[in-house]
Amino acid sequence: MEQLTGLIIKAVSGFYYVEAADAVYECKARGVFRRKGISPAVGDRARITLQGDDKAEVEEILPRKNYLVRPPLANLDRLFIVSSVSEPSPSTLIIDKICAVAVSKEIEPIVVFTKADLADCSELTDIYRRAGILCFEYSIKSENDKNRLISLLEGKISAFTGNTGVGKSSLLNSLFPELSIATAQISRKLGRGRHTTRHSELYKVAGGYVADTPGFSTVDIERYELIRKNDIAACFPEFGEFIPQCRFTGCAHLCEKGCAVIEAVENGIIPVSRHNSYKQMYEEVRNIPDWKK
């Protein structure tokens, strides 16, 4: 039987759709994956065996460069963290958590503030630019904004994440109308959007791939993407130049005397909101044993 190597572009109800040799094959995964506790994920490079009628079986998952547990996504190059200027209001804590997870997985985070035609977001964009994170505002009415985003997707495997209702699907539709991704209006009663994306799928665009994913709105560090307390500081790029200047090795950068990170916050070099997010993330995992996965 013929074998091919391809990319898993969609996963639905135990079926995996693999793009290989200019075709897409519907595949089931071999039982060995379940026995080994391995699940194929969208973004995986996979070796498949053809069985006729465009059917195939996933034989092997090739080594991953990174992996997100929820939603399951593999081999991402860039993660676009989408937040609206209003309706719903932005949460810097959520943005900072997702940025930290991206950095820990060696995925480039890019922060995009949508609905920029409704309100000024210069203070927000300044926070992330000062942190060394690529960040910009996006208006669906601006062709320049659209072209910039498209250029960042070229040749990459990317995903869009953010709170429900910030306009992830609308943003993708504005960039690539041919996708026709389902969207939903903001709920007036709850003040938030309804989930419209029901499965993870890679869309082929701009010489690369972009994922629209269900339930990818917050990161539960303790349960899904654990960053240990001693590793969190390294996930805040702007801390890097100050950490070696701390008076004591093993400084937690919370309230210690002689902490260069805290001095940088007090001097307005590191934004207060970023340090507040760091402290909250540290407290969330402070008491988790090092051995716990």
Protein backbone atom coordinates (compact mmCIF):
# COMPACT_ATOMS: atom_id res chain seq x y z
CA MET A 1 0.00 0.00 0.00
CA GLU A 2 1.18 3.49 -0.85
CA GLN A 3 2.39 5.78 1.94
CA LEU A 4 2.42 9.59 1.89
CA THR A 5 3.54 12.31 4.26
CA GLY A 6 1.19 15.24 4.77
CA LEU A 7 -0.31 17.84 7.09
CA ILE A 8 -3.37 17.29 9.31
CA ILE A 9 -5.62 20.23 8.45
CA LYS A 10 -8.83 19.23 10.24
CA ALA A 11 -9.97 16.93 13.05
CA VAL A 12 -13.67 16.08 13.50
CA SER A 13 -15.19 13.27 15.59
CA GLY A 14 -12.22 10.95 15.36
CA PHE A 15 -11.55 11.59 11.67
CA TYR A 16 -8.40 13.37 10.52
CA TYR A 17 -8.15 15.14 7.18
CA VAL A 18 -4.61 15.05 5.83
CA GLU A 19 -3.40 17.20 2.96
CA ALA A 20 -0.80 15.24 0.97
CA ALA A 21 0.29 15.13 -2.66
CA ASP A 22 -2.21 17.84 -3.73
CA ALA A 23 -5.19 15.96 -2.27
CA VAL A 24 -7.01 15.68 1.07
CA TYR A 25 -7.52 12.22 2.60
CA GLU A 26 -10.03 11.29 5.28
CA CYS A 27 -8.16 9.18 7.84
CA LYS A 28 -8.72 7.19 10.98
CA ALA A 29 -5.82 6.87 13.42
CA ARG A 30 -4.32 3.50 14.19
CA GLY A 31 -5.20 1.94 17.54
CA VAL A 32 -1.56 2.17 18.59
CA PHE A 33 -1.99 5.90 19.18
CA ARG A 34 -4.70 5.29 21.80
CA ARG A 35 -2.60 2.63 23.52
CA LYS A 36 0.35 5.03 23.70
CA GLY A 37 -1.82 7.92 24.84
CA ILE A 38 -1.03 9.92 21.69
CA SER A 39 -3.65 11.90 19.79
CA PRO A 40 -2.99 13.32 16.32
CA ALA A 41 -3.59 17.08 16.21
CA VAL A 42 -4.29 19.72 13.63
CA GLY A 43 -0.91 20.99 12.47
CA ASP A 44 0.82 17.62 12.84
CA ARG A 45 2.95 16.27 10.06
CA ALA A 46 1.78 12.70 9.60
CA ARG A 47 2.65 9.60 7.61
CA ILE A 48 -0.45 7.93 6.17
CA THR A 49 -1.22 4.70 4.33
CA LEU A 50 -3.68 4.92 1.45
CA GLN A 51 -6.59 2.47 1.40
CA GLY A 52 -8.50 3.58 -1.71
CA ASP A 53 -11.45 5.93 -2.36
CA ASP A 54 -9.56 8.84 -0.78
CA LYS A 55 -9.52 6.92 2.51
CA ALA A 56 -6.35 6.41 4.54
CA GLU A 57 -4.98 5.58 7.96
CA VAL A 58 -2.62 7.69 10.06
CA GLU A 59 0.43 5.51 10.67
CA GLU A 60 2.86 7.89 12.36
CA ILE A 61 3.04 11.40 13.80
CA LEU A 62 6.33 13.06 12.94
CA PRO A 63 8.24 14.99 15.66
CA ARG A 64 6.56 18.20 16.77
CA LYS A 65 8.31 21.50 17.43
CA ASN A 66 5.53 22.55 19.79
CA TYR A 67 2.08 21.47 20.95
CA LEU A 68 -0.87 23.14 22.64
CA VAL A 69 -3.11 20.92 24.74
CA ARG A 70 -6.38 22.83 24.42
CA PRO A 71 -7.30 23.17 21.70
CA PRO A 72 -4.92 20.55 20.33
CA LEU A 73 -2.68 22.32 17.82
CA ALA A 74 0.84 21.42 16.75
CA ASN A 75 3.77 23.07 15.02
CA LEU A 76 2.58 26.67 15.24
CA ASP A 77 4.85 29.47 14.05
CA ARG A 78 2.74 32.42 15.16
CA LEU A 79 -0.12 32.94 17.59
CA PHE A 80 -2.31 36.00 16.99
CA ILE A 81 -3.89 37.12 20.27
CA VAL A 82 -7.00 39.04 19.24
CA SER A 83 -8.66 41.49 21.61
CA SER A 84 -11.34 44.06 20.86
CA VAL A 85 -11.08 47.66 22.00
CA SER A 86 -14.69 47.41 23.21
CA GLU A 87 -17.64 45.01 23.27
CA PRO A 88 -16.14 43.03 24.97
CA SER A 89 -13.58 45.13 26.83
CA PRO A 90 -9.96 43.94 26.66
CA SER A 91 -8.32 41.98 29.49
CA THR A 92 -4.58 42.50 29.72
CA LEU A 93 -4.32 39.53 32.09
CA ILE A 94 -5.77 37.15 29.49
CA ILE A 95 -3.56 38.63 26.78
CA ASP A 96 -0.49 38.31 29.00
CA LYS A 97 -1.26 34.71 29.92
CA ILE A 98 -1.61 33.66 26.31
CA CYS A 99 1.53 35.59 25.33
CA ALA A 100 3.45 33.81 28.09
CA VAL A 101 2.27 30.39 26.92
CA ALA A 102 3.26 31.24 23.35
CA VAL A 103 6.75 32.33 24.43
CA SER A 104 7.15 29.17 26.53
CA LYS A 105 6.33 27.06 23.45
CA GLU A 106 8.64 29.09 21.19
CA ILE A 107 5.66 30.43 19.24
CA GLU A 108 5.81 34.09 18.24
CA PRO A 109 2.94 36.02 19.89
CA ILE A 110 1.34 38.86 17.94
CA VAL A 111 -1.29 41.02 19.67
CA VAL A 112 -4.06 42.50 17.52
CA PHE A 113 -6.63 44.96 18.85
CA THR A 114 -9.75 44.83 16.68
CA LYS A 115 -12.58 47.34 16.29
CA ALA A 116 -9.95 50.10 16.33
CA ASP A 117 -12.39 52.39 14.53
CA LEU A 118 -14.58 52.43 17.67
CA ALA A 119 -12.05 53.69 20.24
CA ASP A 120 -8.44 54.71 20.75
CA CYS A 121 -6.17 51.84 21.81
CA SER A 122 -2.76 53.54 21.69
CA GLU A 123 -2.18 52.98 25.41
CA LEU A 124 -2.76 49.27 24.97
CA THR A 125 -0.55 48.90 21.92
CA ASP A 126 2.20 50.81 23.75
CA ILE A 127 2.21 48.20 26.54
CA TYR A 128 3.07 45.35 24.19
CA ARG A 129 5.42 47.27 21.94
CA ARG A 130 7.44 48.19 25.03
CA ALA A 131 7.48 44.50 25.93
CA GLY A 132 9.04 43.66 22.56
CA ILE A 133 5.86 41.94 21.34
CA LEU A 134 4.59 42.78 17.87
CA CYS A 135 1.29 44.60 18.40
CA PHE A 136 -0.98 46.75 16.30
CA GLU A 137 -4.56 47.91 15.97
CA TYR A 138 -6.86 46.62 13.29
CA SER A 139 -9.86 48.19 11.63
CA ILE A 140 -11.96 46.16 9.24
CA LYS A 141 -12.29 49.36 7.20
CA SER A 142 -8.54 49.76 6.60
CA GLU A 143 -6.90 48.11 3.58
CA ASN A 144 -3.46 48.83 5.04
CA ASP A 145 -4.37 46.91 8.20
CA LYS A 146 -5.60 43.97 6.12
CA ASN A 147 -2.46 43.89 3.99
CA ARG A 148 -0.23 43.97 7.05
CA LEU A 149 -1.98 41.02 8.65
CA ILE A 150 -1.91 39.01 5.42
CA SER A 151 1.83 39.59 5.12
CA LEU A 152 2.36 38.17 8.61
CA LEU A 153 0.53 34.97 7.64
CA GLU A 154 2.63 34.28 4.56
CA GLY A 155 4.40 30.93 4.68
CA LYS A 156 3.53 30.30 8.35
CA ILE A 157 1.25 28.03 10.36
CA SER A 158 -0.68 30.44 12.57
CA ALA A 159 -3.63 30.43 14.93
CA PHE A 160 -5.98 33.16 16.13
CA THR A 161 -7.10 33.21 19.73
CA GLY A 162 -8.88 35.59 22.09
CA ASN A 163 -12.06 36.02 24.08
CA THR A 164 -15.32 34.96 22.45
CA GLY A 165 -16.87 37.94 20.72
CA VAL A 166 -13.69 39.84 19.89
CA GLY A 167 -14.21 39.13 16.20
CA LYS A 168 -11.69 36.39 15.33
CA SER A 169 -13.91 34.82 12.68
CA SER A 170 -15.01 38.21 11.36
CA LEU A 171 -11.38 39.25 11.12
CA LEU A 172 -10.47 36.15 9.12
CA ASN A 173 -13.48 36.64 6.86
CA SER A 174 -12.45 40.25 6.22
CA LEU A 175 -8.98 39.07 5.19
CA PHE A 176 -10.15 36.09 3.16
CA PRO A 177 -13.87 36.35 2.22
CA GLU A 178 -13.70 32.99 0.43
CA LEU A 179 -13.42 31.23 3.82
CA SER A 180 -16.99 32.18 4.87
CA ILE A 181 -16.32 31.25 8.52
CA ALA A 182 -19.51 31.28 10.60
CA THR A 183 -19.93 34.23 12.96
CA ALA A 184 -22.41 35.21 15.66
CA GLN A 185 -23.55 38.51 17.10
CA ILE A 186 -22.70 39.63 20.64
CA SER A 187 -25.33 38.46 23.11
CA ARG A 188 -27.08 41.55 24.48
CA LYS A 189 -28.07 39.74 27.67
CA LEU A 190 -24.65 38.32 28.49
CA GLY A 191 -22.46 40.92 26.82
CA ARG A 192 -20.34 38.27 25.11
CA GLY A 193 -20.29 36.33 21.90
CA ARG A 194 -21.55 32.82 21.22
CA HIS A 195 -19.13 30.16 20.08
CA THR A 196 -19.42 29.66 16.34
CA THR A 197 -16.35 27.55 15.57
CA ARG A 198 -16.96 23.89 16.45
CA HIS A 199 -13.76 22.17 15.40
CA SER A 200 -10.12 23.02 14.76
CA GLU A 201 -9.22 23.47 11.13
CA LEU A 202 -6.33 24.89 9.14
CA TYR A 203 -7.27 27.14 6.25
CA LYS A 204 -4.81 27.47 3.39
CA VAL A 205 -4.16 31.18 2.89
CA ALA A 206 -1.37 33.50 1.73
CA GLY A 207 1.06 30.64 1.13
CA GLY A 208 0.58 29.41 4.69
CA TYR A 209 -2.09 28.05 7.00
CA VAL A 210 -4.25 29.69 9.64
CA ALA A 211 -6.42 27.97 12.26
CA ASP A 212 -9.73 29.07 13.65
CA THR A 213 -10.33 27.14 16.85
CA PRO A 214 -13.21 26.53 19.29
CA GLY A 215 -12.99 27.49 22.94
CA PHE A 216 -9.56 29.04 22.57
CA SER A 217 -10.28 32.06 24.75
CA THR A 218 -8.36 31.76 28.02
CA VAL A 219 -5.43 29.75 29.23
CA ASP A 220 -5.85 27.72 32.41
CA ILE A 221 -2.19 27.50 33.38
CA GLU A 222 -2.72 25.08 36.25
CA ARG A 223 -4.69 22.58 34.21
CA TYR A 224 -3.70 22.84 30.56
CA GLU A 225 -0.50 24.79 29.91
CA LEU A 226 1.43 24.71 33.16
CA ILE A 227 4.30 27.18 33.35
CA ARG A 228 6.26 26.53 36.52
CA LYS A 229 6.78 29.49 38.84
CA ASN A 230 10.54 29.63 38.21
CA ASP A 231 9.97 29.74 34.43
CA ILE A 232 7.30 32.45 34.25
CA ALA A 233 9.74 35.39 34.29
CA ALA A 234 11.45 34.04 31.15
CA CYS A 235 8.07 34.24 29.39
CA PHE A 236 8.01 38.02 29.84
CA PRO A 237 10.62 39.18 27.28
CA GLU A 238 10.95 42.67 28.76
CA PHE A 239 12.19 41.21 32.07
CA GLY A 240 15.22 39.65 30.38
CA GLU A 241 17.72 42.51 30.56
CA PHE A 242 16.90 43.24 34.22
CA ILE A 243 16.87 39.74 35.76
CA PRO A 244 20.72 39.46 35.81
CA GLN A 245 20.85 42.77 37.70
CA CYS A 246 18.77 41.54 40.65
CA ARG A 247 20.65 41.63 43.95
CA PHE A 248 19.90 38.01 44.83
CA THR A 249 19.92 34.91 42.67
CA GLY A 250 16.58 33.14 42.68
CA CYS A 251 14.72 36.46 42.97
CA ALA A 252 10.99 35.94 42.42
CA HIS A 253 10.52 39.55 41.17
CA LEU A 254 7.48 40.03 43.39
CA CYS A 255 8.45 42.46 46.17
CA GLU A 256 12.09 41.68 46.95
CA LYS A 257 14.50 44.44 47.94
CA GLY A 258 17.09 45.00 45.24
CA CYS A 259 14.96 43.46 42.48
CA ALA A 260 15.92 45.13 39.20
CA VAL A 261 12.63 44.08 37.57
CA ILE A 262 10.62 45.92 40.23
CA GLU A 263 12.88 48.97 39.87
CA ALA A 264 12.19 48.92 36.13
CA VAL A 265 8.45 48.88 36.86
CA GLU A 266 8.79 51.78 39.29
CA ASN A 267 10.80 53.72 36.71
CA GLY A 268 8.12 53.20 34.07
CA ILE A 269 10.28 50.98 31.85
CA ILE A 270 8.20 47.84 32.37
CA PRO A 271 4.42 48.50 32.26
CA VAL A 272 2.64 48.04 35.60
CA SER A 273 -0.07 45.88 34.00
CA ARG A 274 2.53 43.40 32.72
CA HIS A 275 4.12 43.05 36.15
CA ASN A 276 0.69 42.67 37.76
CA SER A 277 -0.09 39.84 35.34
CA TYR A 278 3.25 38.21 36.15
CA LYS A 279 2.51 38.35 39.88
CA GLN A 280 -0.96 36.87 39.45
CA MET A 281 0.37 34.06 37.26
CA TYR A 282 3.11 33.36 39.82
CA GLU A 283 0.58 33.17 42.65
CA GLU A 284 -1.60 30.76 40.67
CA VAL A 285 1.21 28.20 40.47
CA ARG A 286 3.21 29.08 43.60
CA ASN A 287 2.13 25.97 45.50
CA ILE A 288 2.18 23.46 42.65
CA PRO A 289 4.98 20.91 43.28
CA ASP A 290 7.78 20.83 40.72
CA TRP A 291 7.07 17.18 39.95
CA LYS A 292 3.45 17.77 38.99
CA LYS A 293 2.79 17.75 35.24
